[in-house]
N, C-alpha and C. Protein backbone atom coordinates (compact mmCIF):
# COMPACT_ATOMS: atom_id res chain seq x y z
N MET A 1 71.52 31.55 165.70
CA MET A 1 72.22 31.14 164.82
C MET A 1 71.48 29.42 164.10
N LYS A 2 70.88 29.42 163.18
CA LYS A 2 70.19 28.82 162.48
C LYS A 2 71.06 27.57 162.06
N SER A 3 70.61 26.65 161.55
CA SER A 3 71.23 25.54 161.24
C SER A 3 71.60 25.80 159.23
N PHE A 4 70.85 26.46 158.81
CA PHE A 4 70.94 26.68 157.71
C PHE A 4 70.21 27.85 157.01
N ASN A 5 71.11 28.82 156.38
CA ASN A 5 70.52 29.57 155.75
C ASN A 5 70.42 30.16 154.12
N PRO A 6 69.36 30.00 153.68
CA PRO A 6 68.77 29.89 152.36
C PRO A 6 69.54 31.02 151.49
N GLU A 7 69.51 31.90 152.25
CA GLU A 7 69.74 33.31 151.50
C GLU A 7 71.53 33.78 151.94
N CYS A 8 72.26 33.06 152.35
CA CYS A 8 73.15 33.04 152.82
C CYS A 8 74.28 33.75 151.57
N ARG A 9 75.21 34.63 152.09
CA ARG A 9 76.03 35.25 151.29
C ARG A 9 77.13 35.62 152.05
N CYS A 10 77.93 34.55 152.73
CA CYS A 10 78.74 34.99 153.47
C CYS A 10 80.31 35.02 152.71
N CYS A 11 80.44 34.07 151.29
CA CYS A 11 81.26 33.73 150.99
C CYS A 11 81.24 34.58 149.58
N PRO A 12 81.88 35.81 149.26
CA PRO A 12 81.46 36.33 148.12
C PRO A 12 82.04 35.46 146.79
N ARG A 13 82.65 35.23 146.40
CA ARG A 13 82.90 34.28 145.33
C ARG A 13 81.84 33.43 145.44
N LEU A 14 81.37 32.44 146.06
CA LEU A 14 80.42 31.43 145.80
C LEU A 14 79.00 32.66 145.64
N HIS A 15 78.84 33.49 145.98
CA HIS A 15 77.75 34.03 146.06
C HIS A 15 77.73 34.63 144.71
N GLU A 16 78.81 34.83 144.45
CA GLU A 16 79.05 35.66 142.32
C GLU A 16 78.76 34.54 141.41
N TRP A 17 79.81 33.29 141.73
CA TRP A 17 79.58 31.70 141.45
C TRP A 17 78.44 31.72 140.88
N LEU A 18 77.46 31.30 142.08
CA LEU A 18 76.10 31.30 141.73
C LEU A 18 75.49 32.30 141.19
N CYS A 19 75.10 33.29 141.07
CA CYS A 19 74.66 34.61 140.46
C CYS A 19 74.67 34.15 139.00
N GLY A 20 76.15 33.92 138.48
CA GLY A 20 76.44 33.55 137.03
C GLY A 20 75.66 32.39 136.88
N ILE A 21 75.65 31.08 137.56
CA ILE A 21 75.27 29.94 137.22
C ILE A 21 73.31 30.48 137.20
N ARG A 22 73.16 30.89 137.83
CA ARG A 22 71.25 31.20 137.51
C ARG A 22 71.12 31.68 136.47
N GLU A 23 72.40 32.68 135.78
CA GLU A 23 72.23 33.55 134.37
C GLU A 23 72.37 32.53 133.42
N ARG A 24 73.12 31.41 133.32
CA ARG A 24 72.97 30.23 132.39
C ARG A 24 72.56 29.20 132.50
N PHE A 25 71.61 29.05 133.74
CA PHE A 25 70.94 28.18 134.23
C PHE A 25 69.68 28.63 134.80
N PRO A 26 68.98 29.62 134.21
CA PRO A 26 67.34 29.48 134.99
C PRO A 26 67.18 28.91 135.75
N ASP A 27 66.64 27.66 135.06
CA ASP A 27 66.14 26.77 136.25
C ASP A 27 66.68 25.68 137.17
N TYR A 28 67.78 26.22 136.94
CA TYR A 28 68.70 25.54 138.40
C TYR A 28 68.55 26.15 139.89
N HIS A 29 68.48 25.13 140.64
CA HIS A 29 68.75 25.96 142.06
C HIS A 29 69.50 26.56 142.29
N ALA A 30 70.54 27.00 141.87
CA ALA A 30 72.02 27.53 142.36
C ALA A 30 71.46 28.27 143.34
N ALA A 31 71.76 27.68 144.52
CA ALA A 31 71.59 28.74 145.82
C ALA A 31 71.86 27.84 146.90
N PRO A 32 72.03 27.87 148.17
CA PRO A 32 72.74 27.11 149.29
C PRO A 32 71.77 25.94 149.69
N VAL A 33 72.61 24.63 149.84
CA VAL A 33 71.10 23.34 149.30
C VAL A 33 71.32 22.76 150.65
N PRO A 34 69.86 22.86 151.56
CA PRO A 34 69.70 22.28 152.81
C PRO A 34 70.14 20.61 152.86
N ALA A 35 69.77 20.50 153.79
CA ALA A 35 70.21 18.91 154.46
C ALA A 35 68.70 18.30 154.09
N PHE A 36 68.72 17.11 154.00
CA PHE A 36 67.62 15.96 153.58
C PHE A 36 67.29 14.86 154.56
N GLY A 37 66.51 14.67 154.43
CA GLY A 37 66.20 13.50 155.24
C GLY A 37 65.21 13.29 156.35
N ASP A 38 65.46 12.04 157.21
CA ASP A 38 64.85 12.30 158.51
C ASP A 38 65.12 13.42 159.46
N LYS A 39 64.63 14.13 159.92
CA LYS A 39 64.97 15.24 161.17
C LYS A 39 65.21 14.65 162.03
N LYS A 40 65.01 13.63 162.59
CA LYS A 40 65.53 12.66 163.92
C LYS A 40 66.28 11.40 163.63
N PRO A 41 67.60 11.64 163.01
CA PRO A 41 68.24 10.91 162.24
C PRO A 41 69.06 9.90 163.53
N ARG A 42 69.10 8.46 163.06
CA ARG A 42 70.58 7.84 163.81
C ARG A 42 71.71 8.11 163.18
N LEU A 43 71.78 8.22 161.76
CA LEU A 43 72.96 8.33 161.17
C LEU A 43 72.67 9.85 160.13
N LEU A 44 74.06 10.54 160.20
CA LEU A 44 74.06 11.66 159.41
C LEU A 44 75.21 11.25 158.67
N ILE A 45 75.13 12.26 157.31
CA ILE A 45 76.12 11.59 156.02
C ILE A 45 76.36 13.14 155.98
N ILE A 46 77.75 13.15 155.75
CA ILE A 46 78.14 14.46 155.66
C ILE A 46 79.39 14.49 154.19
N GLY A 47 79.01 15.19 153.21
CA GLY A 47 79.50 15.03 151.61
C GLY A 47 80.26 16.46 151.86
N LEU A 48 80.96 16.61 151.08
CA LEU A 48 81.85 17.87 150.20
C LEU A 48 80.85 19.03 149.99
N ALA A 49 80.53 19.21 149.04
CA ALA A 49 79.47 20.34 148.42
C ALA A 49 78.34 19.83 147.43
N PRO A 50 77.69 20.58 146.98
CA PRO A 50 76.41 20.14 145.99
C PRO A 50 77.66 20.29 144.63
N GLY A 51 77.17 19.02 143.73
CA GLY A 51 77.53 19.14 142.48
C GLY A 51 76.80 20.12 141.17
N MET A 52 77.74 20.30 140.40
CA MET A 52 77.15 21.50 139.31
C MET A 52 75.66 20.71 139.33
N HIS A 53 75.77 19.50 138.29
CA HIS A 53 74.36 19.28 137.80
C HIS A 53 73.63 18.21 138.65
N GLY A 54 74.33 18.39 140.03
CA GLY A 54 73.50 17.44 140.71
C GLY A 54 72.78 18.25 142.11
N ALA A 55 73.20 18.37 142.77
CA ALA A 55 72.63 18.83 143.79
C ALA A 55 71.86 20.38 143.46
N ASN A 56 73.26 21.03 143.17
CA ASN A 56 73.00 22.63 142.53
C ASN A 56 71.75 22.80 141.25
N ARG A 57 71.62 22.12 140.94
CA ARG A 57 70.62 21.77 139.66
C ARG A 57 69.11 21.48 140.56
N THR A 58 69.25 20.46 141.46
CA THR A 58 68.11 20.17 141.86
C THR A 58 67.58 20.14 143.50
N GLY A 59 68.45 20.99 144.17
CA GLY A 59 68.12 21.65 145.10
C GLY A 59 68.57 20.53 146.47
N ARG A 60 68.54 18.88 146.08
CA ARG A 60 68.76 18.11 146.93
C ARG A 60 70.30 17.57 147.05
N PRO A 61 70.92 17.23 148.24
CA PRO A 61 71.75 16.59 148.29
C PRO A 61 72.35 15.39 147.66
N PHE A 62 73.52 15.43 146.53
CA PHE A 62 73.44 13.66 145.81
C PHE A 62 72.49 13.14 144.93
N THR A 63 71.64 14.50 144.40
CA THR A 63 70.30 14.04 143.35
C THR A 63 70.77 14.52 142.56
N GLY A 64 70.36 13.64 141.40
CA GLY A 64 70.49 13.94 140.03
C GLY A 64 71.87 14.07 139.32
N ASP A 65 73.16 12.96 140.02
CA ASP A 65 74.53 13.39 139.25
C ASP A 65 74.94 11.90 139.89
N HIS A 66 75.99 11.82 139.15
CA HIS A 66 76.97 10.49 139.48
C HIS A 66 77.11 10.06 141.00
N ALA A 67 77.52 10.94 141.72
CA ALA A 67 77.75 10.59 142.99
C ALA A 67 76.58 10.15 143.75
N GLY A 68 75.62 10.49 143.70
CA GLY A 68 74.43 9.96 144.21
C GLY A 68 73.91 8.27 143.92
N ILE A 69 74.41 8.07 142.55
CA ILE A 69 74.23 7.06 142.26
C ILE A 69 74.47 5.66 143.50
N LEU A 70 75.49 5.46 143.80
CA LEU A 70 76.04 4.41 144.76
C LEU A 70 75.49 4.53 146.20
N LEU A 71 75.63 6.04 146.57
CA LEU A 71 74.93 6.14 147.99
C LEU A 71 73.64 5.87 148.19
N TYR A 72 72.43 6.52 146.81
CA TYR A 72 71.13 6.10 147.24
C TYR A 72 70.77 4.64 146.82
N ARG A 73 71.61 3.69 146.08
CA ARG A 73 71.43 2.34 146.01
C ARG A 73 71.82 1.67 147.10
N THR A 74 72.81 2.38 147.66
CA THR A 74 73.02 1.59 149.23
C THR A 74 72.10 1.57 149.95
N LEU A 75 71.63 2.68 150.48
CA LEU A 75 70.79 3.41 151.25
C LEU A 75 68.95 2.51 151.09
N PHE A 76 68.99 2.10 149.80
CA PHE A 76 68.06 1.33 149.35
C PHE A 76 68.23 0.29 149.61
N GLU A 77 69.22 -0.65 149.29
CA GLU A 77 69.58 -1.95 150.01
C GLU A 77 69.03 -2.18 151.42
N LEU A 78 70.08 -1.37 152.01
CA LEU A 78 69.96 -1.19 153.67
C LEU A 78 68.86 -1.14 154.14
N GLY A 79 67.55 -0.99 153.02
CA GLY A 79 66.25 -0.78 153.63
C GLY A 79 66.43 0.63 154.60
N LEU A 80 66.88 1.62 154.34
CA LEU A 80 67.19 3.18 154.71
C LEU A 80 66.25 4.48 153.89
N SER A 81 65.78 3.21 152.41
CA SER A 81 65.01 4.57 151.79
C SER A 81 64.04 3.74 151.06
N ASN A 82 63.07 4.37 150.58
CA ASN A 82 61.92 3.95 149.40
C ASN A 82 62.15 3.65 148.21
N GLN A 83 63.35 4.05 148.09
CA GLN A 83 63.88 4.07 146.31
C GLN A 83 64.81 4.05 146.03
N PRO A 84 65.81 3.12 145.43
CA PRO A 84 67.20 3.05 144.84
C PRO A 84 67.78 4.45 143.81
N GLU A 85 66.71 5.25 143.39
CA GLU A 85 67.53 6.58 142.88
C GLU A 85 67.05 7.65 143.57
N SER A 86 68.20 9.11 142.90
CA SER A 86 67.72 9.76 143.37
C SER A 86 67.67 10.97 142.15
N VAL A 87 66.38 11.21 141.59
CA VAL A 87 66.48 12.39 140.50
C VAL A 87 66.24 13.78 140.23
N SER A 88 65.35 13.58 141.07
CA SER A 88 64.76 15.23 141.55
C SER A 88 64.18 15.68 142.65
N ALA A 89 63.61 16.74 143.15
CA ALA A 89 63.59 16.74 144.56
C ALA A 89 62.40 16.73 144.61
N ASP A 90 61.60 16.22 143.59
CA ASP A 90 59.91 15.96 144.04
C ASP A 90 59.94 14.34 143.85
N ASP A 91 60.75 13.65 143.39
CA ASP A 91 60.28 12.17 142.88
C ASP A 91 59.96 11.32 144.33
N GLY A 92 59.45 11.74 145.08
CA GLY A 92 58.51 11.15 146.36
C GLY A 92 59.80 9.86 147.29
N LEU A 93 60.94 10.44 147.10
CA LEU A 93 62.23 9.39 147.90
C LEU A 93 62.29 9.86 149.25
N ARG A 94 61.88 9.12 150.36
CA ARG A 94 62.16 9.21 151.49
C ARG A 94 63.23 8.51 152.12
N LEU A 95 63.91 9.09 152.98
CA LEU A 95 64.73 8.24 154.08
C LEU A 95 64.59 7.83 155.36
N HIS A 96 65.23 6.87 155.88
CA HIS A 96 64.58 6.17 157.15
C HIS A 96 65.76 6.13 158.33
N GLY A 97 65.46 7.20 159.15
CA GLY A 97 66.79 6.79 160.31
C GLY A 97 67.65 7.81 159.58
N VAL A 98 67.98 8.65 158.34
CA VAL A 98 69.24 9.01 157.39
C VAL A 98 68.96 10.28 157.30
N ARG A 99 70.21 11.15 157.32
CA ARG A 99 69.85 12.64 157.14
C ARG A 99 71.43 12.65 156.36
N ILE A 100 71.05 13.57 155.30
CA ILE A 100 72.19 13.83 154.37
C ILE A 100 72.35 15.36 154.25
N THR A 101 73.79 15.94 154.79
CA THR A 101 73.98 17.40 154.41
C THR A 101 75.25 17.37 153.61
N ASN A 102 75.98 18.49 153.68
CA ASN A 102 77.28 18.87 152.98
C ASN A 102 77.91 19.80 153.68
N ALA A 103 79.31 19.45 153.70
CA ALA A 103 80.33 20.45 154.74
C ALA A 103 80.07 22.05 154.27
N VAL A 104 80.26 21.82 152.95
CA VAL A 104 80.00 23.54 152.38
C VAL A 104 78.62 23.29 151.64
N LYS A 105 77.63 24.42 151.80
CA LYS A 105 76.22 24.42 151.40
C LYS A 105 75.99 24.98 149.78
N CYS A 106 77.28 25.48 149.46
CA CYS A 106 77.10 25.77 148.13
C CYS A 106 78.05 25.11 147.18
N LEU A 107 77.53 25.17 146.00
CA LEU A 107 78.44 24.89 144.93
C LEU A 107 79.59 25.37 144.67
N PRO A 108 81.23 25.20 144.71
CA PRO A 108 81.88 26.08 144.56
C PRO A 108 82.81 25.63 143.26
N PRO A 109 83.19 26.88 142.47
CA PRO A 109 84.12 26.09 140.97
C PRO A 109 84.99 25.38 141.33
N GLN A 110 85.08 24.48 140.39
CA GLN A 110 85.81 23.12 140.09
C GLN A 110 85.36 22.18 141.25
N ASN A 111 84.49 22.26 142.09
CA ASN A 111 84.44 21.89 143.28
C ASN A 111 85.05 21.45 143.93
N LYS A 112 85.80 22.79 144.14
CA LYS A 112 87.25 23.23 145.04
C LYS A 112 86.85 24.42 145.95
N PRO A 113 86.36 23.92 147.13
CA PRO A 113 85.93 25.47 148.01
C PRO A 113 87.48 25.78 148.52
N THR A 114 87.70 27.03 149.08
CA THR A 114 88.67 27.19 149.52
C THR A 114 89.02 26.84 151.34
N GLY A 115 90.09 27.33 151.56
CA GLY A 115 89.70 27.03 153.24
C GLY A 115 89.02 28.20 153.78
N ASP A 116 88.97 29.13 153.42
CA ASP A 116 88.33 30.13 153.98
C ASP A 116 86.87 30.10 154.12
N GLU A 117 86.32 29.15 152.60
CA GLU A 117 85.07 29.02 152.07
C GLU A 117 84.29 28.02 153.26
N ILE A 118 85.48 26.45 153.51
CA ILE A 118 85.15 25.60 154.13
C ILE A 118 84.91 26.11 156.01
N ARG A 119 85.93 27.13 156.22
CA ARG A 119 85.37 27.67 157.31
C ARG A 119 84.27 28.15 158.35
N THR A 120 84.11 29.15 156.79
CA THR A 120 82.96 30.12 156.86
C THR A 120 81.50 28.91 156.97
N CYS A 121 81.60 28.17 156.29
CA CYS A 121 80.53 27.48 156.30
C CYS A 121 80.38 26.26 157.62
N ASN A 122 81.02 26.32 158.01
CA ASN A 122 81.52 25.20 159.13
C ASN A 122 80.55 25.66 160.34
N ARG A 123 80.08 27.09 160.64
CA ARG A 123 79.04 27.30 161.47
C ARG A 123 77.76 26.59 161.23
N TYR A 124 77.49 26.37 160.32
CA TYR A 124 76.12 25.83 159.50
C TYR A 124 76.34 24.42 160.13
N LEU A 125 77.31 23.63 160.03
CA LEU A 125 77.40 22.16 160.33
C LEU A 125 77.44 22.07 161.44
N ALA A 126 78.02 23.02 162.43
CA ALA A 126 78.15 22.93 164.05
C ALA A 126 77.01 23.12 164.53
N ARG A 127 76.31 23.76 163.49
CA ARG A 127 74.50 23.58 164.26
C ARG A 127 73.95 22.34 164.31
N GLU A 128 74.19 22.04 162.75
CA GLU A 128 73.53 20.98 162.63
C GLU A 128 73.98 19.28 163.67
N LEU A 129 74.79 19.97 163.82
CA LEU A 129 75.58 18.62 164.91
C LEU A 129 75.16 18.87 166.70
N ASP A 130 74.91 20.42 166.62
CA ASP A 130 74.41 20.80 167.99
C ASP A 130 72.56 20.11 167.92
N ASP A 131 72.30 20.02 166.86
CA ASP A 131 70.66 20.21 166.98
C ASP A 131 70.32 18.36 166.84
N LEU A 132 71.51 17.62 166.73
CA LEU A 132 71.56 16.11 167.01
C LEU A 132 71.37 15.32 168.11
N ASP A 133 70.78 14.41 168.60
CA ASP A 133 71.25 13.72 169.41
C ASP A 133 72.35 12.97 169.49
N PRO A 134 73.75 13.36 170.52
CA PRO A 134 75.15 12.75 170.43
C PRO A 134 75.21 11.38 170.14
N SER A 135 74.02 10.55 170.18
CA SER A 135 74.49 9.07 169.88
C SER A 135 74.26 8.75 168.26
N THR A 136 73.69 9.81 167.45
CA THR A 136 73.61 10.20 166.20
C THR A 136 75.08 9.95 165.69
N ALA A 137 75.06 8.68 164.78
CA ALA A 137 76.43 8.24 164.20
C ALA A 137 76.75 9.39 163.00
N LEU A 138 77.78 9.47 162.81
CA LEU A 138 78.27 10.57 161.53
C LEU A 138 79.36 9.99 160.75
N LEU A 139 79.00 9.92 159.38
CA LEU A 139 79.43 9.16 158.27
C LEU A 139 80.20 10.31 157.30
N ALA A 140 81.37 10.56 157.22
CA ALA A 140 81.91 11.66 156.84
C ALA A 140 82.48 11.23 154.92
N LEU A 141 82.23 11.43 154.39
CA LEU A 141 82.35 11.23 152.99
C LEU A 141 83.85 11.69 151.86
N GLY A 142 84.82 11.35 152.38
CA GLY A 142 85.79 12.34 152.23
C GLY A 142 86.70 12.76 152.91
N ARG A 143 88.08 13.40 152.87
CA ARG A 143 88.92 13.83 153.93
C ARG A 143 88.07 15.35 154.12
N ILE A 144 87.90 16.00 153.61
CA ILE A 144 87.06 17.72 153.64
C ILE A 144 86.06 17.59 154.46
N ALA A 145 85.14 16.89 154.19
CA ALA A 145 84.27 16.15 155.11
C ALA A 145 84.23 15.67 156.52
N HIS A 146 85.45 14.93 156.78
CA HIS A 146 86.03 14.59 157.59
C HIS A 146 86.51 15.76 158.73
N ASP A 147 87.41 16.46 157.80
CA ASP A 147 87.49 17.45 159.16
C ASP A 147 86.98 18.67 159.48
N ALA A 148 85.78 18.74 158.11
CA ALA A 148 84.58 19.91 159.00
C ALA A 148 84.17 19.35 159.83
N VAL A 149 83.59 18.05 160.39
CA VAL A 149 83.21 17.54 161.17
C VAL A 149 83.94 17.92 162.55
N LEU A 150 85.42 17.28 162.14
CA LEU A 150 85.86 17.31 163.35
C LEU A 150 86.06 19.52 163.98
N ARG A 151 86.20 20.10 163.27
CA ARG A 151 86.60 21.25 163.45
C ARG A 151 84.95 21.86 163.59
N ALA A 152 83.97 21.35 163.27
CA ALA A 152 82.58 21.94 163.99
C ALA A 152 82.15 21.42 165.66
N LEU A 153 82.87 20.32 165.71
CA LEU A 153 83.26 19.86 167.27
C LEU A 153 84.11 20.17 167.76
N GLY A 154 84.88 21.20 167.59
CA GLY A 154 86.30 22.08 168.00
C GLY A 154 87.29 20.96 168.57
N LEU A 155 87.60 20.00 167.45
CA LEU A 155 88.42 19.11 167.96
C LEU A 155 89.69 18.95 167.11
N ARG A 156 90.79 18.78 167.40
CA ARG A 156 92.31 18.59 166.38
C ARG A 156 92.20 17.70 165.56
N LEU A 157 92.42 18.04 164.38
CA LEU A 157 92.60 16.91 163.39
C LEU A 157 93.17 16.11 163.40
N ARG A 158 94.73 16.17 163.79
CA ARG A 158 95.59 15.32 164.01
C ARG A 158 95.33 14.31 164.90
N ASP A 159 94.42 14.28 165.77
CA ASP A 159 93.93 13.65 167.05
C ASP A 159 92.92 12.43 166.75
N PHE A 160 92.26 12.48 165.14
CA PHE A 160 91.25 11.50 164.33
C PHE A 160 92.13 11.77 162.58
N PRO A 161 92.68 10.91 162.29
CA PRO A 161 93.48 10.48 161.07
C PRO A 161 92.35 10.13 160.28
N PHE A 162 92.41 10.73 158.99
CA PHE A 162 91.28 10.07 158.02
C PHE A 162 91.66 8.86 157.12
N ALA A 163 91.08 7.57 157.05
CA ALA A 163 91.28 6.39 156.91
C ALA A 163 89.42 5.83 156.30
N HIS A 164 89.76 5.00 155.22
CA HIS A 164 88.25 4.51 155.03
C HIS A 164 87.76 3.43 155.62
N ALA A 165 86.77 3.45 155.82
CA ALA A 165 86.19 2.44 157.02
C ALA A 165 86.94 2.34 158.40
N ALA A 166 87.26 3.88 158.47
CA ALA A 166 88.05 3.92 160.26
C ALA A 166 86.69 4.42 160.98
N GLN A 167 86.69 4.28 162.14
CA GLN A 167 85.91 4.74 163.26
C GLN A 167 86.28 5.08 164.68
N HIS A 168 85.90 6.32 164.63
CA HIS A 168 86.50 7.08 165.90
C HIS A 168 85.53 7.44 166.62
N THR A 169 86.18 6.98 168.03
CA THR A 169 84.90 7.42 169.32
C THR A 169 85.59 8.88 169.11
N LEU A 170 84.50 9.93 169.85
CA LEU A 170 84.48 11.47 169.45
C LEU A 170 83.93 11.42 170.84
N PRO A 171 84.33 12.52 171.90
CA PRO A 171 84.01 13.24 172.85
C PRO A 171 82.51 13.54 173.08
N GLN A 172 81.68 13.11 174.00
CA GLN A 172 80.07 13.52 174.27
C GLN A 172 79.57 12.03 173.48
N GLY A 173 80.20 10.71 173.64
CA GLY A 173 79.56 10.23 173.07
C GLY A 173 79.25 9.16 171.74
N ARG A 174 79.84 10.51 170.94
CA ARG A 174 80.09 10.69 169.74
C ARG A 174 80.85 9.44 168.67
N THR A 175 80.37 9.06 167.68
CA THR A 175 80.95 8.12 166.74
C THR A 175 81.12 8.84 165.12
N LEU A 176 82.33 8.68 164.83
CA LEU A 176 82.65 9.28 163.46
C LEU A 176 82.95 8.27 162.34
N VAL A 177 82.61 7.96 161.02
CA VAL A 177 83.29 6.70 160.62
C VAL A 177 83.42 7.44 159.45
N ASP A 178 84.48 7.44 158.65
CA ASP A 178 84.85 7.80 157.47
C ASP A 178 84.93 6.96 156.21
N SER A 179 84.64 7.59 155.07
CA SER A 179 84.18 6.84 153.69
C SER A 179 85.35 7.67 153.01
N TYR A 180 85.45 7.38 151.94
CA TYR A 180 85.96 7.92 150.55
C TYR A 180 84.56 8.16 150.11
N HIS A 181 84.81 9.48 149.44
CA HIS A 181 83.78 10.12 148.73
C HIS A 181 83.32 9.14 147.58
N CYS A 182 81.88 9.08 147.15
CA CYS A 182 81.28 8.43 146.12
C CYS A 182 80.98 8.94 144.84
N SER A 183 82.59 9.61 144.85
CA SER A 183 82.37 10.88 143.20
C SER A 183 82.88 9.44 142.29
N ARG A 184 82.47 10.04 141.19
CA ARG A 184 82.61 9.61 139.83
C ARG A 184 84.27 8.92 139.78
N TYR A 185 85.05 9.80 140.11
CA TYR A 185 86.90 9.63 140.35
C TYR A 185 86.85 8.51 140.85
N ASN A 186 86.22 8.76 142.06
CA ASN A 186 86.64 7.25 143.35
C ASN A 186 86.22 5.53 142.58
N THR A 187 84.75 5.80 142.31
CA THR A 187 83.96 4.89 141.64
C THR A 187 84.71 4.50 140.97
N GLN A 188 85.10 5.25 139.41
CA GLN A 188 85.47 4.47 137.89
C GLN A 188 86.94 4.16 138.12
N THR A 189 87.67 4.52 139.09
CA THR A 189 89.06 4.15 139.50
C THR A 189 89.03 3.21 139.95
N GLY A 190 88.06 2.78 140.74
CA GLY A 190 88.33 1.29 141.78
C GLY A 190 88.54 1.58 143.24
N ARG A 191 88.82 3.21 143.46
CA ARG A 191 89.38 3.13 144.96
C ARG A 191 88.15 2.78 145.92
N LEU A 192 86.81 3.34 145.34
CA LEU A 192 85.69 3.36 146.08
C LEU A 192 84.71 1.80 145.17
N THR A 193 84.62 0.67 145.61
CA THR A 193 83.90 -0.24 145.17
C THR A 193 82.88 -0.31 145.96
N ARG A 194 81.44 -0.79 145.62
CA ARG A 194 80.29 -1.07 146.32
C ARG A 194 80.53 -2.06 147.82
N ASP A 195 81.63 -2.55 147.66
CA ASP A 195 81.27 -3.53 148.89
C ASP A 195 82.31 -2.86 149.83
N SER A 196 83.67 -1.67 149.79
CA SER A 196 84.11 -0.95 150.31
C SER A 196 83.00 -0.06 151.00
N PHE A 197 82.38 0.50 149.86
CA PHE A 197 81.31 1.57 150.71
C PHE A 197 80.57 0.88 151.34
N LEU A 198 79.81 -0.11 150.96
CA LEU A 198 78.89 -0.98 152.23
C LEU A 198 79.77 -1.05 152.94
N GLN A 199 81.02 -1.77 153.28
CA GLN A 199 81.50 -1.69 154.73
C GLN A 199 81.45 -0.78 155.69
N ALA A 200 81.55 0.48 155.12
CA ALA A 200 81.89 1.99 155.79
C ALA A 200 80.29 2.33 156.44
N VAL A 201 79.28 2.04 155.52
CA VAL A 201 78.06 2.85 156.00
C VAL A 201 77.20 1.58 156.92
N LYS A 202 77.72 0.79 157.09
CA LYS A 202 77.53 -0.70 158.03
C LYS A 202 77.95 -0.39 159.35
N LEU A 203 79.29 0.04 159.26
CA LEU A 203 79.88 0.19 160.43
C LEU A 203 79.19 1.46 160.98
N ALA A 204 78.85 2.83 159.99
CA ALA A 204 78.26 3.88 160.76
C ALA A 204 76.90 3.46 161.51
N LEU A 205 76.29 2.68 160.69
CA LEU A 205 74.76 2.04 160.68
C LEU A 205 74.91 1.27 162.07
N ARG A 206 75.79 0.58 162.67
CA ARG A 206 75.84 -0.24 163.86
C ARG A 206 76.23 0.78 164.81
N ALA A 207 77.11 1.89 164.86
CA ALA A 207 77.10 2.99 165.62
C ALA A 207 76.20 3.87 166.01
N GLY A 208 75.44 4.27 165.30
CA GLY A 208 74.09 5.08 165.53
C GLY A 208 73.27 4.04 166.19
N GLY A 209 72.96 2.27 166.10
CA GLY A 209 72.47 1.60 166.97
C GLY A 209 71.42 1.15 165.67
N MET A 210 71.78 1.07 164.48
CA MET A 210 70.75 0.81 163.80
C MET A 210 71.36 -0.43 162.83
N GLN A 211 70.43 -1.30 162.91
CA GLN A 211 70.75 -2.81 162.70
C GLN A 211 70.57 -3.05 161.09
N PRO A 212 71.68 -2.95 160.24
CA PRO A 212 71.69 -2.99 158.93
C PRO A 212 71.07 -4.15 158.33
N SER A 213 70.44 -4.40 157.47
CA SER A 213 69.91 -5.38 156.36
C SER A 213 71.31 -6.17 156.00
N ASN A 214 71.13 -7.69 155.71
CA ASN A 214 72.18 -8.51 155.46
C ASN A 214 71.96 -8.84 153.61
N ILE A 215 72.87 -7.99 153.27
CA ILE A 215 72.80 -8.06 151.62
C ILE A 215 74.17 -8.50 151.53
């Protein structure tokens, strides 16, 4: 079992949806989106799914949409990337010690994957986690990503409740840190601020044995 399949068609609804998008937007990636970043990270960031005009367009997680603004700016300020913006897959962005993936690799309609789709795609996340050193910290952006990590590791959801900036000690020496998703809704309503997101990222960095910059 591979950790990513660019030709995956396991979810009929998502496959049909992407076929329609390719007809409307022939220049879009409109396919499963692979993880991006350091191949041997100390921190793995897990999002929900590709955004319609972001990763689904560019083929790289959190690239070219609002959700990536706070994420990549924060990584740059902490010395974890070489530039503060992510606008296209060929913009020269590099991450240091960090890798970014999604719980669901394909764009779902209305950004809402079904439970079956989340569970079907969970096999890929499980393999991604298997490929990591257990000491690699995990940062889940949102409850769906949080739950997907627990399912991928075969853990019970009720034993590790989601909460912003919560730090969970998991079996095999793993650590999971939670954050609200850096979506437009959360940032514009003030549910997630620069400072509160920075708090969660720094917790995850320390859990992965990385020393965050003082900003």
